[in-house]
Protein backbone atom coordinates (compact mmCIF):
# COMPACT_ATOMS: atom_id res chain seq x y z
CA MET A 1 0.00 0.00 0.00
CA ILE A 2 2.83 2.41 0.81
CA ILE A 3 4.44 1.72 -2.58
CA VAL A 4 1.24 2.70 -4.39
CA ILE A 5 1.03 5.92 -2.38
CA LEU A 6 4.68 6.72 -3.16
CA TRP A 7 4.07 6.09 -6.88
CA LEU A 8 1.17 8.52 -6.83
CA ILE A 9 3.17 11.12 -4.88
CA PHE A 10 6.10 10.94 -7.31
CA GLY A 11 3.65 11.12 -10.22
CA ALA A 12 1.93 14.19 -8.79
CA ILE A 13 5.20 15.99 -8.02
CA CYS A 14 6.62 15.26 -11.47
CA TYR A 15 3.31 16.39 -13.01
CA LEU A 16 3.56 19.74 -11.22
CA LEU A 17 7.24 20.21 -12.07
CA ALA A 18 6.60 19.38 -15.73
CA GLU A 19 3.75 21.88 -15.84
CA LYS A 20 5.91 24.59 -14.25
CA LYS A 21 8.78 24.01 -16.68
CA GLY A 22 6.61 23.96 -19.81
CA ARG A 23 6.89 20.24 -20.46
CA ASP A 24 4.13 17.70 -21.18
CA LYS A 25 2.30 17.12 -17.88
CA ARG A 26 1.04 13.65 -18.77
CA ILE A 27 4.54 12.43 -19.53
CA GLY A 28 5.72 13.96 -16.26
CA PHE A 29 3.05 12.06 -14.32
CA LEU A 30 3.81 8.82 -16.14
CA ALA A 31 7.57 9.22 -15.64
CA GLY A 32 7.01 9.90 -11.94
CA ILE A 33 5.01 6.71 -11.55
CA LEU A 34 7.38 4.56 -13.59
CA PHE A 35 10.75 5.92 -12.51
CA GLY A 36 9.98 7.49 -9.13
CA VAL A 37 12.89 9.36 -7.59
CA PHE A 38 14.87 9.29 -10.86
CA ALA A 39 12.11 11.16 -12.70
CA LEU A 40 11.90 13.61 -9.81
CA ILE A 41 15.63 14.32 -10.06
CA TYR A 42 15.32 14.75 -13.82
CA TYR A 43 12.49 17.28 -13.53
CA LEU A 44 14.34 19.18 -10.83
CA LEU A 45 17.46 19.47 -13.01
CA VAL A 46 15.92 20.04 -16.45
CA SER A 47 15.60 23.65 -17.58
CA GLU A 48 12.72 25.32 -19.29
CA PRO A 49 12.57 24.85 -23.04
CA GLY A 50 13.89 27.82 -24.93
CA LYS A 51 15.42 28.94 -28.17
CA ILE A 52 18.68 30.51 -29.28
CA CYS A 53 18.84 34.17 -30.30
CA PRO A 54 19.93 34.28 -33.95
CA PHE A 55 21.93 37.47 -33.32
CA CYS A 56 23.93 36.85 -30.13
CA LYS A 57 23.48 33.03 -29.87
CA GLU A 58 22.39 33.18 -26.20
CA LYS A 59 19.60 30.98 -24.83
CA ILE A 60 16.33 32.84 -24.33
CA LYS A 61 12.77 31.92 -23.39
CA LYS A 62 10.75 30.41 -26.22
CA ASP A 63 8.08 33.14 -26.09
CA ALA A 64 10.52 36.08 -26.03
CA THR A 65 9.97 38.84 -28.55
CA VAL A 66 13.09 40.82 -27.54
CA CYS A 67 16.40 39.21 -26.63
CA PRO A 68 17.32 40.17 -23.03
CA HIS A 69 21.03 39.95 -23.92
CA CYS A 70 21.40 41.95 -27.14
CA GLN A 71 18.03 43.81 -27.01
CA ARG A 72 17.15 42.93 -30.61
CA GLU A 73 13.58 42.24 -31.71
CA LEU A 74 12.75 38.62 -32.54
CA ASP A 75 9.36 39.08 -34.23
CA VAL A 76 10.58 37.69 -37.55
CA ILE A 77 11.89 34.49 -35.95
CA ARG A 78 9.16 31.84 -35.56
CA LYS A 79 10.36 28.58 -34.04
């Protein structure tokens, strides 16, 4: 019974972390149930998905319209 509860707890935590980091929530829940603490560690370490600025080559958020590093507009870039 405790194992089932732990599976559900890891699934719920990974679900929430996946949602916060912009990843697929269902896969987060499934990974938490299947891999437990390993999935939890993965979701704690993984960064938010982003894109690379075509001008300065720095990593930026995927929804950014202006690069925070070089201050150039990214409206023409659609990835």
